[in-house]
All heavy atoms as atom14 arrays in JSON, in Angstrom:
{
  "sequence": "RGVTVLLVEHHMGLVMSISDKVVAIDFGRKISEGTTEEVQNDPEVIKA",
  "atom14_mask": [
    [1, 1, 1, 1, 1, 1, 1, 1, 1, 1, 1, 0, 0, 0],
    [1, 1, 1, 1, 0, 0, 0, 0, 0, 0, 0, 0, 0, 0],
    [1, 1, 1, 1, 1, 1, 1, 0, 0, 0, 0, 0, 0, 0],
    [1, 1, 1, 1, 1, 1, 1, 0, 0, 0, 0, 0, 0, 0],
    [1, 1, 1, 1, 1, 1, 1, 0, 0, 0, 0, 0, 0, 0],
    [1, 1, 1, 1, 1, 1, 1, 1, 0, 0, 0, 0, 0, 0],
    [1, 1, 1, 1, 1, 1, 1, 1, 0, 0, 0, 0, 0, 0],
    [1, 1, 1, 1, 1, 1, 1, 0, 0, 0, 0, 0, 0, 0],
    [1, 1, 1, 1, 1, 1, 1, 1, 1, 0, 0, 0, 0, 0],
    [1, 1, 1, 1, 1, 1, 1, 1, 1, 1, 0, 0, 0, 0],
    [1, 1, 1, 1, 1, 1, 1, 1, 1, 1, 0, 0, 0, 0],
    [1, 1, 1, 1, 1, 1, 1, 1, 0, 0, 0, 0, 0, 0],
    [1, 1, 1, 1, 0, 0, 0, 0, 0, 0, 0, 0, 0, 0],
    [1, 1, 1, 1, 1, 1, 1, 1, 0, 0, 0, 0, 0, 0],
    [1, 1, 1, 1, 1, 1, 1, 0, 0, 0, 0, 0, 0, 0],
    [1, 1, 1, 1, 1, 1, 1, 1, 0, 0, 0, 0, 0, 0],
    [1, 1, 1, 1, 1, 1, 0, 0, 0, 0, 0, 0, 0, 0],
    [1, 1, 1, 1, 1, 1, 1, 1, 0, 0, 0, 0, 0, 0],
    [1, 1, 1, 1, 1, 1, 0, 0, 0, 0, 0, 0, 0, 0],
    [1, 1, 1, 1, 1, 1, 1, 1, 0, 0, 0, 0, 0, 0],
    [1, 1, 1, 1, 1, 1, 1, 1, 1, 0, 0, 0, 0, 0],
    [1, 1, 1, 1, 1, 1, 1, 0, 0, 0, 0, 0, 0, 0],
    [1, 1, 1, 1, 1, 1, 1, 0, 0, 0, 0, 0, 0, 0],
    [1, 1, 1, 1, 1, 0, 0, 0, 0, 0, 0, 0, 0, 0],
    [1, 1, 1, 1, 1, 1, 1, 1, 0, 0, 0, 0, 0, 0],
    [1, 1, 1, 1, 1, 1, 1, 1, 0, 0, 0, 0, 0, 0],
    [1, 1, 1, 1, 1, 1, 1, 1, 1, 1, 1, 0, 0, 0],
    [1, 1, 1, 1, 0, 0, 0, 0, 0, 0, 0, 0, 0, 0],
    [1, 1, 1, 1, 1, 1, 1, 1, 1, 1, 1, 0, 0, 0],
    [1, 1, 1, 1, 1, 1, 1, 1, 1, 0, 0, 0, 0, 0],
    [1, 1, 1, 1, 1, 1, 1, 1, 0, 0, 0, 0, 0, 0],
    [1, 1, 1, 1, 1, 1, 0, 0, 0, 0, 0, 0, 0, 0],
    [1, 1, 1, 1, 1, 1, 1, 1, 1, 0, 0, 0, 0, 0],
    [1, 1, 1, 1, 0, 0, 0, 0, 0, 0, 0, 0, 0, 0],
    [1, 1, 1, 1, 1, 1, 1, 0, 0, 0, 0, 0, 0, 0],
    [1, 1, 1, 1, 1, 1, 1, 0, 0, 0, 0, 0, 0, 0],
    [1, 1, 1, 1, 1, 1, 1, 1, 1, 0, 0, 0, 0, 0],
    [1, 1, 1, 1, 1, 1, 1, 1, 1, 0, 0, 0, 0, 0],
    [1, 1, 1, 1, 1, 1, 1, 0, 0, 0, 0, 0, 0, 0],
    [1, 1, 1, 1, 1, 1, 1, 1, 1, 0, 0, 0, 0, 0],
    [1, 1, 1, 1, 1, 1, 1, 1, 0, 0, 0, 0, 0, 0],
    [1, 1, 1, 1, 1, 1, 1, 1, 0, 0, 0, 0, 0, 0],
    [1, 1, 1, 1, 1, 1, 1, 0, 0, 0, 0, 0, 0, 0],
    [1, 1, 1, 1, 1, 1, 1, 1, 1, 0, 0, 0, 0, 0],
    [1, 1, 1, 1, 1, 1, 1, 0, 0, 0, 0, 0, 0, 0],
    [1, 1, 1, 1, 1, 1, 1, 1, 0, 0, 0, 0, 0, 0],
    [1, 1, 1, 1, 1, 1, 1, 1, 1, 0, 0, 0, 0, 0],
    [1, 1, 1, 1, 1, 0, 0, 0, 0, 0, 0, 0, 0, 0]
  ],
  "atom14_positions": [
    [[-3.33, 15.31, -25.27], [-3.62, 14.09, -24.53], [-2.5, 13.69, -23.59], [-2.63, 12.7, -22.85], [-3.94, 12.94, -25.5], [-5.04, 13.27, -26.51], [-5.38, 12.09, -27.41], [-6.17, 11.1, -26.71], [-7.5, 11.11, -26.64], [-8.19, 12.07, -27.25], [-8.15, 10.17, -26.0], [0.0, 0.0, 0.0], [0.0, 0.0, 0.0], [0.0, 0.0, 0.0]],
    [[-1.39, 14.43, -23.62], [-0.29, 14.16, -22.7], [0.42, 12.85, -22.95], [1.0, 12.26, -22.03], [0.0, 0.0, 0.0], [0.0, 0.0, 0.0], [0.0, 0.0, 0.0], [0.0, 0.0, 0.0], [0.0, 0.0, 0.0], [0.0, 0.0, 0.0], [0.0, 0.0, 0.0], [0.0, 0.0, 0.0], [0.0, 0.0, 0.0], [0.0, 0.0, 0.0]],
    [[0.4, 12.37, -24.2], [1.02, 11.08, -24.54], [2.46, 11.3, -25.0], [2.72, 12.15, -25.85], [0.22, 10.36, -25.63], [0.89, 9.04, -26.03], [-1.22, 10.1, -25.17], [0.0, 0.0, 0.0], [0.0, 0.0, 0.0], [0.0, 0.0, 0.0], [0.0, 0.0, 0.0], [0.0, 0.0, 0.0], [0.0, 0.0, 0.0], [0.0, 0.0, 0.0]],
    [[3.39, 10.54, -24.44], [4.77, 10.54, -24.91], [4.85, 9.65, -26.15], [4.24, 8.59, -26.19], [5.71, 10.0, -23.81], [5.5, 10.77, -22.61], [7.16, 10.11, -24.22], [0.0, 0.0, 0.0], [0.0, 0.0, 0.0], [0.0, 0.0, 0.0], [0.0, 0.0, 0.0], [0.0, 0.0, 0.0], [0.0, 0.0, 0.0], [0.0, 0.0, 0.0]],
    [[5.59, 10.09, -27.16], [5.62, 9.36, -28.45], [7.05, 8.99, -28.82], [7.95, 9.85, -28.81], [5.0, 10.21, -29.58], [5.07, 9.45, -30.91], [3.56, 10.59, -29.26], [0.0, 0.0, 0.0], [0.0, 0.0, 0.0], [0.0, 0.0, 0.0], [0.0, 0.0, 0.0], [0.0, 0.0, 0.0], [0.0, 0.0, 0.0], [0.0, 0.0, 0.0]],
    [[7.26, 7.72, -29.13], [8.51, 7.27, -29.73], [8.22, 6.94, -31.19], [7.41, 6.05, -31.48], [9.08, 6.04, -29.01], [10.4, 5.5, -29.6], [11.5, 6.55, -29.55], [10.84, 4.23, -28.86], [0.0, 0.0, 0.0], [0.0, 0.0, 0.0], [0.0, 0.0, 0.0], [0.0, 0.0, 0.0], [0.0, 0.0, 0.0], [0.0, 0.0, 0.0]],
    [[8.87, 7.66, -32.09], [8.58, 7.6, -33.51], [9.74, 6.98, -34.26], [10.84, 7.54, -34.3], [8.31, 9.03, -34.0], [8.1, 9.29, -35.47], [6.77, 8.7, -35.94], [8.13, 10.8, -35.75], [0.0, 0.0, 0.0], [0.0, 0.0, 0.0], [0.0, 0.0, 0.0], [0.0, 0.0, 0.0], [0.0, 0.0, 0.0], [0.0, 0.0, 0.0]],
    [[9.52, 5.81, -34.86], [10.5, 5.23, -35.77], [10.06, 5.58, -37.18], [8.94, 5.25, -37.6], [10.58, 3.7, -35.62], [11.36, 3.09, -36.77], [11.25, 3.33, -34.32], [0.0, 0.0, 0.0], [0.0, 0.0, 0.0], [0.0, 0.0, 0.0], [0.0, 0.0, 0.0], [0.0, 0.0, 0.0], [0.0, 0.0, 0.0], [0.0, 0.0, 0.0]],
    [[10.91, 6.28, -37.91], [10.47, 6.8, -39.21], [11.65, 7.05, -40.13], [12.7, 7.55, -39.71], [9.69, 8.1, -38.98], [9.1, 8.71, -40.22], [8.25, 7.74, -41.0], [7.2, 7.3, -40.49], [8.65, 7.39, -42.13], [0.0, 0.0, 0.0], [0.0, 0.0, 0.0], [0.0, 0.0, 0.0], [0.0, 0.0, 0.0], [0.0, 0.0, 0.0]],
    [[11.48, 6.68, -41.43], [12.5, 6.95, -42.43], [12.38, 8.36, -42.99], [13.34, 8.9, -43.54], [12.38, 5.95, -43.59], [13.03, 4.63, -43.31], [12.3, 3.49, -43.03], [14.33, 4.26, -43.26], [13.14, 2.48, -42.82], [14.37, 2.92, -42.95], [0.0, 0.0, 0.0], [0.0, 0.0, 0.0], [0.0, 0.0, 0.0], [0.0, 0.0, 0.0]],
    [[11.2, 8.95, -42.87], [10.98, 10.28, -43.44], [11.61, 11.33, -42.53], [11.03, 11.76, -41.55], [9.48, 10.53, -43.6], [9.17, 11.65, -44.56], [9.42, 12.97, -44.24], [8.67, 11.64, -45.82], [9.06, 13.73, -45.25], [8.61, 12.95, -46.22], [0.0, 0.0, 0.0], [0.0, 0.0, 0.0], [0.0, 0.0, 0.0], [0.0, 0.0, 0.0]],
    [[12.82, 11.76, -42.9], [13.59, 12.66, -42.03], [12.9, 14.01, -41.85], [13.01, 14.64, -40.79], [14.99, 12.87, -42.6], [15.9, 11.67, -42.49], [16.17, 11.16, -40.77], [15.01, 9.82, -40.63], [0.0, 0.0, 0.0], [0.0, 0.0, 0.0], [0.0, 0.0, 0.0], [0.0, 0.0, 0.0], [0.0, 0.0, 0.0], [0.0, 0.0, 0.0]],
    [[12.2, 14.48, -42.89], [11.51, 15.75, -42.77], [10.49, 15.74, -41.65], [10.4, 16.7, -40.87], [0.0, 0.0, 0.0], [0.0, 0.0, 0.0], [0.0, 0.0, 0.0], [0.0, 0.0, 0.0], [0.0, 0.0, 0.0], [0.0, 0.0, 0.0], [0.0, 0.0, 0.0], [0.0, 0.0, 0.0], [0.0, 0.0, 0.0], [0.0, 0.0, 0.0]],
    [[9.73, 14.64, -41.55], [8.73, 14.52, -40.49], [9.4, 14.44, -39.12], [9.02, 15.15, -38.19], [7.87, 13.27, -40.72], [6.86, 12.94, -39.62], [5.81, 14.04, -39.5], [6.2, 11.58, -39.89], [0.0, 0.0, 0.0], [0.0, 0.0, 0.0], [0.0, 0.0, 0.0], [0.0, 0.0, 0.0], [0.0, 0.0, 0.0], [0.0, 0.0, 0.0]],
    [[10.41, 13.57, -39.0], [11.08, 13.39, -37.71], [11.67, 14.7, -37.21], [11.47, 15.09, -36.05], [12.2, 12.32, -37.83], [13.0, 12.25, -36.53], [11.61, 10.96, -38.15], [0.0, 0.0, 0.0], [0.0, 0.0, 0.0], [0.0, 0.0, 0.0], [0.0, 0.0, 0.0], [0.0, 0.0, 0.0], [0.0, 0.0, 0.0], [0.0, 0.0, 0.0]],
    [[12.37, 15.39, -38.08], [13.07, 16.6, -37.65], [12.13, 17.77, -37.39], [12.46, 18.69, -36.65], [14.14, 16.99, -38.69], [15.24, 15.95, -38.86], [16.1, 15.58, -37.28], [17.17, 14.23, -37.78], [0.0, 0.0, 0.0], [0.0, 0.0, 0.0], [0.0, 0.0, 0.0], [0.0, 0.0, 0.0], [0.0, 0.0, 0.0], [0.0, 0.0, 0.0]],
    [[10.95, 17.74, -37.98], [10.02, 18.86, -37.81], [9.19, 18.75, -36.53], [8.71, 19.77, -36.02], [9.08, 18.97, -39.02], [8.22, 17.85, -39.1], [0.0, 0.0, 0.0], [0.0, 0.0, 0.0], [0.0, 0.0, 0.0], [0.0, 0.0, 0.0], [0.0, 0.0, 0.0], [0.0, 0.0, 0.0], [0.0, 0.0, 0.0], [0.0, 0.0, 0.0]],
    [[9.04, 17.54, -35.99], [8.14, 17.4, -34.83], [8.83, 16.84, -33.58], [8.26, 16.91, -32.49], [6.91, 16.53, -35.15], [7.32, 15.07, -35.38], [6.15, 17.09, -36.33], [6.12, 14.13, -35.53], [0.0, 0.0, 0.0], [0.0, 0.0, 0.0], [0.0, 0.0, 0.0], [0.0, 0.0, 0.0], [0.0, 0.0, 0.0], [0.0, 0.0, 0.0]],
    [[10.04, 16.32, -33.69], [10.67, 15.65, -32.55], [11.3, 16.65, -31.58], [11.9, 17.64, -31.99], [11.75, 14.67, -33.02], [11.18, 13.62, -33.78], [0.0, 0.0, 0.0], [0.0, 0.0, 0.0], [0.0, 0.0, 0.0], [0.0, 0.0, 0.0], [0.0, 0.0, 0.0], [0.0, 0.0, 0.0], [0.0, 0.0, 0.0], [0.0, 0.0, 0.0]],
    [[11.15, 16.37, -30.29], [11.83, 17.15, -29.26], [13.26, 16.64, -29.05], [14.12, 17.38, -28.58], [11.07, 17.04, -27.94], [9.64, 17.55, -28.05], [9.47, 18.75, -28.33], [8.71, 16.74, -27.88], [0.0, 0.0, 0.0], [0.0, 0.0, 0.0], [0.0, 0.0, 0.0], [0.0, 0.0, 0.0], [0.0, 0.0, 0.0], [0.0, 0.0, 0.0]],
    [[13.46, 15.38, -29.41], [14.76, 14.73, -29.22], [14.87, 13.63, -30.27], [13.86, 13.05, -30.68], [14.83, 14.13, -27.81], [16.06, 13.29, -27.51], [15.99, 12.76, -26.07], [17.16, 11.88, -25.72], [17.1, 11.41, -24.32], [0.0, 0.0, 0.0], [0.0, 0.0, 0.0], [0.0, 0.0, 0.0], [0.0, 0.0, 0.0], [0.0, 0.0, 0.0]],
    [[16.08, 13.36, -30.72], [16.31, 12.32, -31.73], [17.43, 11.39, -31.26], [18.44, 11.84, -30.7], [16.68, 12.93, -33.1], [16.97, 11.82, -34.12], [15.55, 13.82, -33.62], [0.0, 0.0, 0.0], [0.0, 0.0, 0.0], [0.0, 0.0, 0.0], [0.0, 0.0, 0.0], [0.0, 0.0, 0.0], [0.0, 0.0, 0.0], [0.0, 0.0, 0.0]],
    [[17.21, 10.09, -31.47], [18.23, 9.07, -31.19], [18.54, 8.38, -32.52], [17.62, 7.95, -33.23], [17.73, 8.03, -30.17], [18.78, 6.92, -29.99], [17.4, 8.7, -28.85], [0.0, 0.0, 0.0], [0.0, 0.0, 0.0], [0.0, 0.0, 0.0], [0.0, 0.0, 0.0], [0.0, 0.0, 0.0], [0.0, 0.0, 0.0], [0.0, 0.0, 0.0]],
    [[19.81, 8.31, -32.87], [20.23, 7.66, -34.12], [21.02, 6.39, -33.81], [21.89, 6.4, -32.94], [21.09, 8.61, -34.95], [0.0, 0.0, 0.0], [0.0, 0.0, 0.0], [0.0, 0.0, 0.0], [0.0, 0.0, 0.0], [0.0, 0.0, 0.0], [0.0, 0.0, 0.0], [0.0, 0.0, 0.0], [0.0, 0.0, 0.0], [0.0, 0.0, 0.0]],
    [[20.68, 5.31, -34.51], [21.44, 4.07, -34.36], [21.9, 3.57, -35.72], [21.3, 3.89, -36.76], [20.63, 2.97, -33.63], [19.36, 2.59, -34.42], [20.24, 3.41, -32.23], [18.6, 1.44, -33.78], [0.0, 0.0, 0.0], [0.0, 0.0, 0.0], [0.0, 0.0, 0.0], [0.0, 0.0, 0.0], [0.0, 0.0, 0.0], [0.0, 0.0, 0.0]],
    [[22.97, 2.82, -35.73], [23.51, 2.25, -36.96], [24.25, 0.96, -36.6], [25.0, 0.93, -35.62], [24.46, 3.24, -37.64], [24.85, 2.79, -39.03], [24.05, 2.07, -39.67], [25.94, 3.18, -39.5], [0.0, 0.0, 0.0], [0.0, 0.0, 0.0], [0.0, 0.0, 0.0], [0.0, 0.0, 0.0], [0.0, 0.0, 0.0], [0.0, 0.0, 0.0]],
    [[24.02, -0.09, -37.36], [24.62, -1.4, -37.08], [24.4, -1.82, -35.63], [25.29, -2.39, -35.0], [26.11, -1.41, -37.43], [26.4, -1.27, -38.9], [26.96, -0.1, -39.39], [26.08, -2.29, -39.78], [27.22, 0.03, -40.75], [26.32, -2.16, -41.14], [26.9, -1.01, -41.62], [0.0, 0.0, 0.0], [0.0, 0.0, 0.0], [0.0, 0.0, 0.0]],
    [[23.22, -1.5, -35.09], [22.86, -1.93, -33.75], [23.43, -1.09, -32.62], [23.2, -1.4, -31.45], [0.0, 0.0, 0.0], [0.0, 0.0, 0.0], [0.0, 0.0, 0.0], [0.0, 0.0, 0.0], [0.0, 0.0, 0.0], [0.0, 0.0, 0.0], [0.0, 0.0, 0.0], [0.0, 0.0, 0.0], [0.0, 0.0, 0.0], [0.0, 0.0, 0.0]],
    [[24.18, -0.03, -32.94], [24.77, 0.82, -31.9], [24.17, 2.22, -31.95], [23.86, 2.72, -33.04], [26.28, 0.96, -32.1], [27.08, -0.32, -31.99], [28.58, -0.02, -32.14], [28.86, 0.65, -33.42], [29.14, 1.94, -33.55], [29.18, 2.74, -32.49], [29.4, 2.44, -34.75], [0.0, 0.0, 0.0], [0.0, 0.0, 0.0], [0.0, 0.0, 0.0]],
    [[24.04, 2.84, -30.81], [23.63, 4.25, -30.79], [24.82, 5.09, -31.22], [25.92, 4.96, -30.68], [23.17, 4.67, -29.39], [22.65, 6.11, -29.35], [22.26, 6.53, -27.96], [23.5, 6.88, -27.13], [23.15, 7.39, -25.79], [0.0, 0.0, 0.0], [0.0, 0.0, 0.0], [0.0, 0.0, 0.0], [0.0, 0.0, 0.0], [0.0, 0.0, 0.0]],
    [[24.6, 5.96, -32.21], [25.69, 6.8, -32.7], [25.47, 8.27, -32.37], [26.41, 9.07, -32.46], [25.91, 6.63, -34.21], [24.63, 6.95, -35.0], [26.41, 5.22, -34.53], [24.83, 6.96, -36.51], [0.0, 0.0, 0.0], [0.0, 0.0, 0.0], [0.0, 0.0, 0.0], [0.0, 0.0, 0.0], [0.0, 0.0, 0.0], [0.0, 0.0, 0.0]],
    [[24.24, 8.64, -31.99], [23.98, 10.03, -31.64], [22.69, 10.15, -30.86], [21.76, 9.34, -31.04], [23.91, 10.9, -32.91], [23.83, 12.27, -32.59], [0.0, 0.0, 0.0], [0.0, 0.0, 0.0], [0.0, 0.0, 0.0], [0.0, 0.0, 0.0], [0.0, 0.0, 0.0], [0.0, 0.0, 0.0], [0.0, 0.0, 0.0], [0.0, 0.0, 0.0]],
    [[22.61, 11.16, -30.0], [21.41, 11.44, -29.21], [21.41, 12.92, -28.85], [22.43, 13.44, -28.38], [21.39, 10.59, -27.93], [20.21, 10.85, -27.02], [20.23, 9.96, -25.77], [21.19, 9.18, -25.61], [19.28, 10.05, -24.97], [0.0, 0.0, 0.0], [0.0, 0.0, 0.0], [0.0, 0.0, 0.0], [0.0, 0.0, 0.0], [0.0, 0.0, 0.0]],
    [[20.3, 13.61, -29.1], [20.25, 15.02, -28.77], [19.12, 15.73, -29.48], [18.14, 15.1, -29.9], [0.0, 0.0, 0.0], [0.0, 0.0, 0.0], [0.0, 0.0, 0.0], [0.0, 0.0, 0.0], [0.0, 0.0, 0.0], [0.0, 0.0, 0.0], [0.0, 0.0, 0.0], [0.0, 0.0, 0.0], [0.0, 0.0, 0.0], [0.0, 0.0, 0.0]],
    [[19.23, 17.03, -29.63], [18.22, 17.8, -30.34], [18.29, 17.47, -31.83], [19.28, 16.88, -32.3], [18.45, 19.31, -30.15], [19.69, 19.67, -30.77], [18.48, 19.67, -28.67], [0.0, 0.0, 0.0], [0.0, 0.0, 0.0], [0.0, 0.0, 0.0], [0.0, 0.0, 0.0], [0.0, 0.0, 0.0], [0.0, 0.0, 0.0], [0.0, 0.0, 0.0]],
    [[17.28, 17.88, -32.57], [17.27, 17.62, -34.02], [18.5, 18.24, -34.68], [19.13, 17.61, -35.54], [15.99, 18.17, -34.65], [15.87, 19.57, -34.35], [14.76, 17.45, -34.14], [0.0, 0.0, 0.0], [0.0, 0.0, 0.0], [0.0, 0.0, 0.0], [0.0, 0.0, 0.0], [0.0, 0.0, 0.0], [0.0, 0.0, 0.0], [0.0, 0.0, 0.0]],
    [[18.85, 19.44, -34.27], [20.0, 20.12, -34.88], [21.3, 19.39, -34.55], [22.16, 19.19, -35.44], [20.08, 21.57, -34.38], [21.19, 22.37, -35.04], [21.2, 23.84, -34.6], [20.36, 24.2, -33.75], [22.05, 24.6, -35.1], [0.0, 0.0, 0.0], [0.0, 0.0, 0.0], [0.0, 0.0, 0.0], [0.0, 0.0, 0.0], [0.0, 0.0, 0.0]],
    [[21.45, 18.97, -33.31], [22.67, 18.26, -32.91], [22.84, 16.96, -33.68], [23.95, 16.64, -34.15], [22.63, 17.97, -31.41], [22.82, 19.2, -30.53], [22.51, 18.95, -29.06], [21.83, 17.93, -28.76], [22.92, 19.76, -28.22], [0.0, 0.0, 0.0], [0.0, 0.0, 0.0], [0.0, 0.0, 0.0], [0.0, 0.0, 0.0], [0.0, 0.0, 0.0]],
    [[21.75, 16.21, -33.83], [21.83, 14.92, -34.52], [22.05, 15.11, -36.02], [22.85, 14.39, -36.64], [20.57, 14.08, -34.23], [20.54, 12.83, -35.1], [20.52, 13.71, -32.75], [0.0, 0.0, 0.0], [0.0, 0.0, 0.0], [0.0, 0.0, 0.0], [0.0, 0.0, 0.0], [0.0, 0.0, 0.0], [0.0, 0.0, 0.0], [0.0, 0.0, 0.0]],
    [[21.36, 16.08, -36.61], [21.52, 16.34, -38.04], [22.96, 16.69, -38.4], [23.44, 16.35, -39.49], [20.61, 17.48, -38.47], [19.16, 17.08, -38.73], [18.33, 18.28, -39.13], [18.28, 19.29, -38.45], [17.65, 18.17, -40.26], [0.0, 0.0, 0.0], [0.0, 0.0, 0.0], [0.0, 0.0, 0.0], [0.0, 0.0, 0.0], [0.0, 0.0, 0.0]],
    [[23.64, 17.38, -37.5], [25.0, 17.85, -37.77], [26.09, 16.93, -37.23], [27.28, 17.24, -37.35], [25.19, 19.26, -37.18], [24.31, 20.29, -37.88], [24.15, 20.24, -39.1], [23.74, 21.22, -37.11], [0.0, 0.0, 0.0], [0.0, 0.0, 0.0], [0.0, 0.0, 0.0], [0.0, 0.0, 0.0], [0.0, 0.0, 0.0], [0.0, 0.0, 0.0]],
    [[25.7, 15.81, -36.65], [26.66, 14.88, -36.08], [27.39, 14.14, -37.21], [26.75, 13.52, -38.07], [25.94, 13.87, -35.18], [26.9, 13.02, -34.36], [27.9, 12.53, -34.92], [26.63, 12.82, -33.16], [0.0, 0.0, 0.0], [0.0, 0.0, 0.0], [0.0, 0.0, 0.0], [0.0, 0.0, 0.0], [0.0, 0.0, 0.0], [0.0, 0.0, 0.0]],
    [[28.71, 14.19, -37.26], [29.46, 13.52, -38.33], [29.15, 12.03, -38.43], [29.15, 11.46, -39.54], [30.92, 13.75, -37.93], [30.9, 14.99, -37.1], [29.61, 14.94, -36.35], [0.0, 0.0, 0.0], [0.0, 0.0, 0.0], [0.0, 0.0, 0.0], [0.0, 0.0, 0.0], [0.0, 0.0, 0.0], [0.0, 0.0, 0.0], [0.0, 0.0, 0.0]],
    [[28.89, 11.37, -37.29], [28.58, 9.94, -37.32], [27.26, 9.68, -38.02], [27.11, 8.68, -38.73], [28.53, 9.38, -35.89], [29.89, 9.22, -35.23], [30.74, 8.16, -35.93], [30.21, 7.08, -36.25], [31.94, 8.42, -36.14], [0.0, 0.0, 0.0], [0.0, 0.0, 0.0], [0.0, 0.0, 0.0], [0.0, 0.0, 0.0], [0.0, 0.0, 0.0]],
    [[26.3, 10.56, -37.84], [25.0, 10.41, -38.51], [25.14, 10.66, -40.0], [24.59, 9.93, -40.84], [23.95, 11.35, -37.87], [22.63, 11.3, -38.64], [23.74, 11.02, -36.41], [0.0, 0.0, 0.0], [0.0, 0.0, 0.0], [0.0, 0.0, 0.0], [0.0, 0.0, 0.0], [0.0, 0.0, 0.0], [0.0, 0.0, 0.0], [0.0, 0.0, 0.0]],
    [[25.88, 11.7, -40.35], [26.09, 12.01, -41.75], [26.8, 10.85, -42.45], [26.44, 10.44, -43.56], [26.95, 13.31, -41.9], [26.16, 14.5, -41.33], [27.33, 13.55, -43.34], [26.98, 15.78, -41.19], [0.0, 0.0, 0.0], [0.0, 0.0, 0.0], [0.0, 0.0, 0.0], [0.0, 0.0, 0.0], [0.0, 0.0, 0.0], [0.0, 0.0, 0.0]],
    [[27.76, 10.27, -41.77], [28.49, 9.12, -42.32], [27.57, 7.92, -42.51], [27.64, 7.22, -43.53], [29.65, 8.76, -41.41], [30.51, 7.6, -41.9], [31.66, 7.33, -40.94], [32.51, 6.16, -41.41], [33.62, 5.87, -40.46], [0.0, 0.0, 0.0], [0.0, 0.0, 0.0], [0.0, 0.0, 0.0], [0.0, 0.0, 0.0], [0.0, 0.0, 0.0]],
    [[26.69, 7.68, -41.53], [25.79, 6.53, -41.61], [24.84, 6.64, -42.8], [24.53, 5.64, -43.46], [24.99, 6.41, -40.3], [0.0, 0.0, 0.0], [0.0, 0.0, 0.0], [0.0, 0.0, 0.0], [0.0, 0.0, 0.0], [0.0, 0.0, 0.0], [0.0, 0.0, 0.0], [0.0, 0.0, 0.0], [0.0, 0.0, 0.0], [0.0, 0.0, 0.0]]
  ]
}
C-alpha cells in the first residue's frame, strides 16, 4: 500500500525484525538513530 509506518513498541523482537530504521529516546532525549544493528549495539541504548 506504500504506507510509511512509525511504530512505537515495547516488544523489541517485533521492532528489530521489521524496522528499516530505529530511533531510541530516553528521558526525553534522542540517544540513538540508525539501523536496527547500530541501535541495538549502541552503548547509550544498552545503558538505557
